[in-house]
Amino acid sequence: MTEATLDPKARDLAEKIYRDLVSGAVELSQNSVAMKTDPANLAVISFKLAAVFRVEEDKLNAANLPKNQDFKVGVEDLAAWTK
């Protein structure tokens, strides 16, 4: 069984989200560093958030995509324009 590969853009976004989540979850004191959240859980959340972000981004960008992709211009069309 092969698993689907992850989009590199989604992976990069997940890394940024993970970094932000970890920096918010770490508590630094003079003598210790504490993290109350499991880093593996933060990684899972990061990938899920990145995937949702990409889906929503695609929906928002759909309005900007060409609407008539099947349109073909032939030589006869160009000749008709010059008449």
Protein backbone atom coordinates (compact mmCIF):
# COMPACT_ATOMS: atom_id res chain seq x y z
CA MET A 1 0.00 0.00 0.00
CA THR A 2 1.53 3.30 -1.03
CA GLU A 3 0.85 6.47 0.89
CA ALA A 4 0.13 9.77 -0.82
CA THR A 5 3.08 12.12 -0.95
CA LEU A 6 2.79 15.42 0.82
CA ASP A 7 2.84 18.62 -1.17
CA PRO A 8 6.16 20.43 -0.44
CA LYS A 9 4.29 23.71 0.01
CA ALA A 10 2.05 22.11 2.65
CA ARG A 11 5.11 20.66 4.36
CA ASP A 12 6.82 24.06 4.49
CA LEU A 13 3.67 25.63 5.90
CA ALA A 14 3.36 22.83 8.47
CA GLU A 15 6.94 23.48 9.58
CA LYS A 16 6.18 27.17 10.10
CA ILE A 17 3.00 26.39 12.01
CA TYR A 18 4.86 23.82 14.13
CA ARG A 19 7.60 26.31 14.95
CA ASP A 20 5.02 28.87 16.05
CA LEU A 21 3.09 26.33 18.13
CA VAL A 22 6.25 25.05 19.83
CA SER A 23 7.49 28.55 20.61
CA GLY A 24 4.13 29.29 22.24
CA ALA A 25 4.09 26.02 24.20
CA VAL A 26 7.59 26.29 25.68
CA GLU A 27 7.97 27.89 29.07
CA LEU A 28 11.44 29.18 29.87
CA SER A 29 12.62 29.98 33.36
CA GLN A 30 16.01 30.77 34.80
CA ASN A 31 16.77 27.12 35.60
CA SER A 32 14.53 25.07 33.32
CA VAL A 33 12.66 24.64 30.11
CA ALA A 34 9.18 23.10 30.24
CA MET A 35 6.76 22.02 27.55
CA LYS A 36 3.30 20.94 28.66
CA THR A 37 2.22 19.80 25.19
CA ASP A 38 3.47 16.69 23.43
CA PRO A 39 5.62 17.78 20.44
CA ALA A 40 4.23 14.88 18.35
CA ASN A 41 0.70 16.20 18.86
CA LEU A 42 1.83 19.65 17.78
CA ALA A 43 3.32 18.13 14.62
CA VAL A 44 0.07 16.34 13.78
CA ILE A 45 -1.93 19.51 14.36
CA SER A 46 0.52 21.47 12.20
CA PHE A 47 0.06 19.15 9.22
CA LYS A 48 -3.72 19.15 9.61
CA LEU A 49 -3.82 22.95 9.77
CA ALA A 50 -1.53 23.23 6.73
CA ALA A 51 -3.75 20.86 4.73
CA VAL A 52 -6.90 22.80 5.62
CA PHE A 53 -5.17 26.07 4.78
CA ARG A 54 -4.19 24.79 1.31
CA VAL A 55 -7.74 23.57 0.60
CA GLU A 56 -9.23 26.92 1.56
CA GLU A 57 -6.55 28.79 -0.39
CA ASP A 58 -7.43 26.76 -3.50
CA LYS A 59 -11.13 27.60 -3.04
CA LEU A 60 -10.36 31.31 -2.76
CA ASN A 61 -8.07 31.24 -5.79
CA ALA A 62 -10.60 29.33 -7.92
CA ALA A 63 -12.30 32.61 -8.83
CA ASN A 64 -9.07 33.79 -10.46
CA LEU A 65 -8.59 30.72 -12.66
CA PRO A 66 -9.40 30.91 -16.39
CA LYS A 67 -13.02 30.03 -17.10
CA ASN A 68 -12.76 29.00 -20.76
CA GLN A 69 -9.79 26.66 -20.82
CA ASP A 70 -11.20 24.69 -23.77
CA PHE A 71 -11.16 27.75 -26.04
CA LYS A 72 -8.99 27.18 -29.11
CA VAL A 73 -7.93 29.81 -31.62
CA GLY A 74 -7.43 28.52 -35.13
CA VAL A 75 -5.89 30.12 -38.21
CA GLU A 76 -9.35 30.61 -39.69
CA ASP A 77 -10.37 32.56 -36.59
CA LEU A 78 -7.42 34.92 -36.99
CA ALA A 79 -8.21 35.39 -40.67
CA ALA A 80 -11.81 36.32 -39.84
CA TRP A 81 -10.62 39.06 -37.47
CA THR A 82 -8.80 40.93 -40.23
CA LYS A 83 -11.85 41.20 -42.52
